[in-house]
Amino acid sequence: MTSNYDASPIYVNGNIWFFSVKGEVLVIKADRKYEVIAKNQMDSGIWATPAILRNSVILRTQKYLYRIGRE
């Protein structure tokens, strides 16, 4: 993890999500062994802690509001 992270990490379905001020989203397995599940780059920085709604993560960047998940 090389960025600054202002938003609190969240735990979702056995994974921990991290959100950086540069817009990087890092998902790791919640386990003793470090395992990256996903790494993505959003359009802009993320300062606010995302919200969980049913099976989705609600994420606000500087530019947009996203819903990531299943219907």
N, C-alpha and C. Protein backbone atom coordinates (compact mmCIF):
# COMPACT_ATOMS: atom_id res chain seq x y z
N MET A 1 0.85 -1.16 0.00
CA MET A 1 0.00 0.00 0.00
C MET A 1 0.90 1.23 0.00
N THR A 2 0.85 1.96 -1.09
CA THR A 2 1.78 3.07 -1.26
C THR A 2 1.13 4.44 -1.22
N SER A 3 -0.17 4.51 -1.10
CA SER A 3 -0.88 5.79 -1.09
C SER A 3 -1.28 6.19 0.32
N ASN A 4 -1.84 7.39 0.43
CA ASN A 4 -2.45 7.83 1.69
C ASN A 4 -3.90 7.38 1.71
N TYR A 5 -4.33 6.88 2.86
CA TYR A 5 -5.68 6.36 3.01
C TYR A 5 -6.37 7.12 4.13
N ASP A 6 -7.33 7.99 3.76
CA ASP A 6 -8.09 8.76 4.75
C ASP A 6 -9.40 8.06 5.12
N ALA A 7 -10.01 7.36 4.16
CA ALA A 7 -11.25 6.64 4.42
C ALA A 7 -10.95 5.40 5.26
N SER A 8 -11.86 5.05 6.14
CA SER A 8 -11.69 3.84 6.95
C SER A 8 -11.82 2.61 6.07
N PRO A 9 -11.02 1.57 6.33
CA PRO A 9 -11.20 0.33 5.58
C PRO A 9 -12.52 -0.31 5.98
N ILE A 10 -13.07 -1.13 5.08
CA ILE A 10 -14.32 -1.82 5.37
C ILE A 10 -14.15 -3.32 5.13
N TYR A 11 -14.91 -4.10 5.87
CA TYR A 11 -14.90 -5.56 5.74
C TYR A 11 -16.17 -5.98 5.02
N VAL A 12 -16.01 -6.72 3.90
CA VAL A 12 -17.15 -7.19 3.13
C VAL A 12 -16.90 -8.62 2.68
N ASN A 13 -17.74 -9.54 3.11
CA ASN A 13 -17.70 -10.94 2.64
C ASN A 13 -16.31 -11.57 2.69
N GLY A 14 -15.61 -11.41 3.79
CA GLY A 14 -14.31 -12.05 3.95
C GLY A 14 -13.14 -11.28 3.37
N ASN A 15 -13.40 -10.07 2.88
CA ASN A 15 -12.35 -9.23 2.30
C ASN A 15 -12.31 -7.87 2.99
N ILE A 16 -11.14 -7.23 2.96
CA ILE A 16 -10.99 -5.88 3.50
C ILE A 16 -10.69 -4.95 2.33
N TRP A 17 -11.47 -3.88 2.24
CA TRP A 17 -11.34 -2.90 1.17
C TRP A 17 -10.66 -1.65 1.72
N PHE A 18 -9.67 -1.12 0.96
CA PHE A 18 -8.97 0.12 1.29
C PHE A 18 -9.18 1.12 0.15
N PHE A 19 -9.34 2.40 0.49
CA PHE A 19 -9.65 3.44 -0.49
C PHE A 19 -8.68 4.60 -0.30
N SER A 20 -7.92 4.96 -1.33
CA SER A 20 -6.88 5.99 -1.18
C SER A 20 -7.34 7.36 -1.68
N VAL A 21 -6.61 8.37 -1.24
CA VAL A 21 -6.89 9.74 -1.67
C VAL A 21 -6.52 9.95 -3.14
N LYS A 22 -5.82 8.99 -3.74
CA LYS A 22 -5.49 9.04 -5.17
C LYS A 22 -6.50 8.25 -6.01
N GLY A 23 -7.50 7.65 -5.35
CA GLY A 23 -8.52 6.91 -6.07
C GLY A 23 -8.21 5.43 -6.24
N GLU A 24 -7.19 4.93 -5.56
CA GLU A 24 -6.88 3.50 -5.64
C GLU A 24 -7.77 2.72 -4.68
N VAL A 25 -8.29 1.60 -5.17
CA VAL A 25 -9.09 0.71 -4.35
C VAL A 25 -8.35 -0.62 -4.28
N LEU A 26 -8.01 -1.04 -3.08
CA LEU A 26 -7.29 -2.29 -2.86
C LEU A 26 -8.16 -3.20 -2.02
N VAL A 27 -8.36 -4.43 -2.50
CA VAL A 27 -9.15 -5.42 -1.77
C VAL A 27 -8.22 -6.59 -1.44
N ILE A 28 -8.11 -6.90 -0.14
CA ILE A 28 -7.28 -8.03 0.28
C ILE A 28 -8.14 -9.03 1.05
N LYS A 29 -7.70 -10.28 1.04
CA LYS A 29 -8.40 -11.32 1.80
C LYS A 29 -8.13 -11.11 3.28
N ALA A 30 -9.16 -11.23 4.10
CA ALA A 30 -9.02 -11.08 5.55
C ALA A 30 -8.48 -12.40 6.11
N ASP A 31 -7.18 -12.54 6.06
CA ASP A 31 -6.53 -13.79 6.47
C ASP A 31 -5.14 -13.46 6.98
N ARG A 32 -4.50 -14.42 7.60
CA ARG A 32 -3.12 -14.21 8.09
C ARG A 32 -2.13 -14.06 6.94
N LYS A 33 -2.42 -14.71 5.82
CA LYS A 33 -1.56 -14.62 4.64
C LYS A 33 -2.06 -13.47 3.75
N TYR A 34 -1.14 -12.57 3.36
CA TYR A 34 -1.49 -11.42 2.53
C TYR A 34 -1.82 -11.90 1.12
N GLU A 35 -3.04 -11.61 0.66
CA GLU A 35 -3.47 -11.98 -0.69
C GLU A 35 -4.32 -10.86 -1.27
N VAL A 36 -3.85 -10.28 -2.38
CA VAL A 36 -4.60 -9.23 -3.06
C VAL A 36 -5.69 -9.88 -3.90
N ILE A 37 -6.92 -9.48 -3.65
CA ILE A 37 -8.08 -9.99 -4.40
C ILE A 37 -8.34 -9.12 -5.62
N ALA A 38 -8.23 -7.79 -5.45
CA ALA A 38 -8.47 -6.86 -6.55
C ALA A 38 -7.75 -5.56 -6.29
N LYS A 39 -7.40 -4.88 -7.37
CA LYS A 39 -6.79 -3.54 -7.28
C LYS A 39 -7.33 -2.75 -8.45
N ASN A 40 -7.94 -1.61 -8.16
CA ASN A 40 -8.57 -0.79 -9.20
C ASN A 40 -8.22 0.68 -9.02
N GLN A 41 -8.32 1.44 -10.10
CA GLN A 41 -8.09 2.87 -10.07
C GLN A 41 -9.39 3.58 -10.42
N MET A 42 -9.89 4.41 -9.51
CA MET A 42 -11.10 5.19 -9.75
C MET A 42 -10.74 6.50 -10.45
N ASP A 43 -11.74 7.27 -10.85
CA ASP A 43 -11.53 8.49 -11.61
C ASP A 43 -10.85 9.60 -10.81
N SER A 44 -11.00 9.59 -9.49
CA SER A 44 -10.41 10.62 -8.64
C SER A 44 -10.35 10.13 -7.20
N GLY A 45 -9.86 10.96 -6.31
CA GLY A 45 -9.60 10.58 -4.93
C GLY A 45 -10.84 10.22 -4.12
N ILE A 46 -10.60 9.44 -3.05
CA ILE A 46 -11.65 8.99 -2.15
C ILE A 46 -11.25 9.37 -0.73
N TRP A 47 -12.03 10.26 -0.11
CA TRP A 47 -11.74 10.68 1.26
C TRP A 47 -12.79 10.16 2.25
N ALA A 48 -13.98 9.90 1.76
CA ALA A 48 -15.08 9.48 2.65
C ALA A 48 -15.13 7.95 2.74
N THR A 49 -15.45 7.45 3.91
CA THR A 49 -15.62 6.02 4.09
C THR A 49 -16.87 5.57 3.35
N PRO A 50 -16.76 4.54 2.51
CA PRO A 50 -17.92 4.06 1.76
C PRO A 50 -19.00 3.48 2.69
N ALA A 51 -20.20 3.41 2.16
CA ALA A 51 -21.33 2.83 2.89
C ALA A 51 -21.64 1.46 2.31
N ILE A 52 -22.21 0.59 3.14
CA ILE A 52 -22.65 -0.73 2.70
C ILE A 52 -24.17 -0.72 2.64
N LEU A 53 -24.73 -1.17 1.51
CA LEU A 53 -26.17 -1.25 1.34
C LEU A 53 -26.51 -2.60 0.73
N ARG A 54 -27.08 -3.47 1.52
CA ARG A 54 -27.40 -4.85 1.10
C ARG A 54 -26.15 -5.52 0.55
N ASN A 55 -26.12 -5.84 -0.73
CA ASN A 55 -24.95 -6.50 -1.34
C ASN A 55 -24.10 -5.53 -2.15
N SER A 56 -24.10 -4.26 -1.79
CA SER A 56 -23.38 -3.25 -2.55
C SER A 56 -22.53 -2.35 -1.66
N VAL A 57 -21.51 -1.78 -2.28
CA VAL A 57 -20.70 -0.74 -1.65
C VAL A 57 -21.03 0.57 -2.36
N ILE A 58 -21.40 1.59 -1.60
CA ILE A 58 -21.67 2.92 -2.15
C ILE A 58 -20.42 3.75 -1.93
N LEU A 59 -19.83 4.24 -3.01
CA LEU A 59 -18.52 4.88 -2.98
C LEU A 59 -18.58 6.25 -3.63
N ARG A 60 -18.09 7.27 -2.93
CA ARG A 60 -18.08 8.63 -3.49
C ARG A 60 -16.64 9.06 -3.73
N THR A 61 -16.34 9.39 -4.99
CA THR A 61 -15.06 9.99 -5.32
C THR A 61 -15.27 11.50 -5.38
N GLN A 62 -14.24 12.23 -5.77
CA GLN A 62 -14.39 13.67 -5.90
C GLN A 62 -15.37 14.04 -7.02
N LYS A 63 -15.52 13.16 -8.01
CA LYS A 63 -16.35 13.48 -9.18
C LYS A 63 -17.69 12.76 -9.24
N TYR A 64 -17.74 11.50 -8.78
CA TYR A 64 -18.92 10.68 -9.02
C TYR A 64 -19.31 9.88 -7.79
N LEU A 65 -20.55 9.36 -7.82
CA LEU A 65 -21.06 8.45 -6.82
C LEU A 65 -21.26 7.10 -7.49
N TYR A 66 -20.70 6.03 -6.90
CA TYR A 66 -20.75 4.70 -7.49
C TYR A 66 -21.49 3.72 -6.58
N ARG A 67 -22.11 2.75 -7.20
CA ARG A 67 -22.65 1.60 -6.50
C ARG A 67 -21.97 0.36 -7.10
N ILE A 68 -21.24 -0.39 -6.28
CA ILE A 68 -20.53 -1.56 -6.72
C ILE A 68 -21.15 -2.77 -6.03
N GLY A 69 -21.66 -3.71 -6.81
CA GLY A 69 -22.26 -4.90 -6.21
C GLY A 69 -23.30 -5.53 -7.09
N ARG A 70 -24.09 -6.37 -6.45
CA ARG A 70 -25.15 -7.10 -7.16
C ARG A 70 -26.50 -6.48 -6.85
N GLU A 71 -27.43 -6.71 -7.75
CA GLU A 71 -28.80 -6.22 -7.52
C GLU A 71 -29.58 -7.20 -6.71
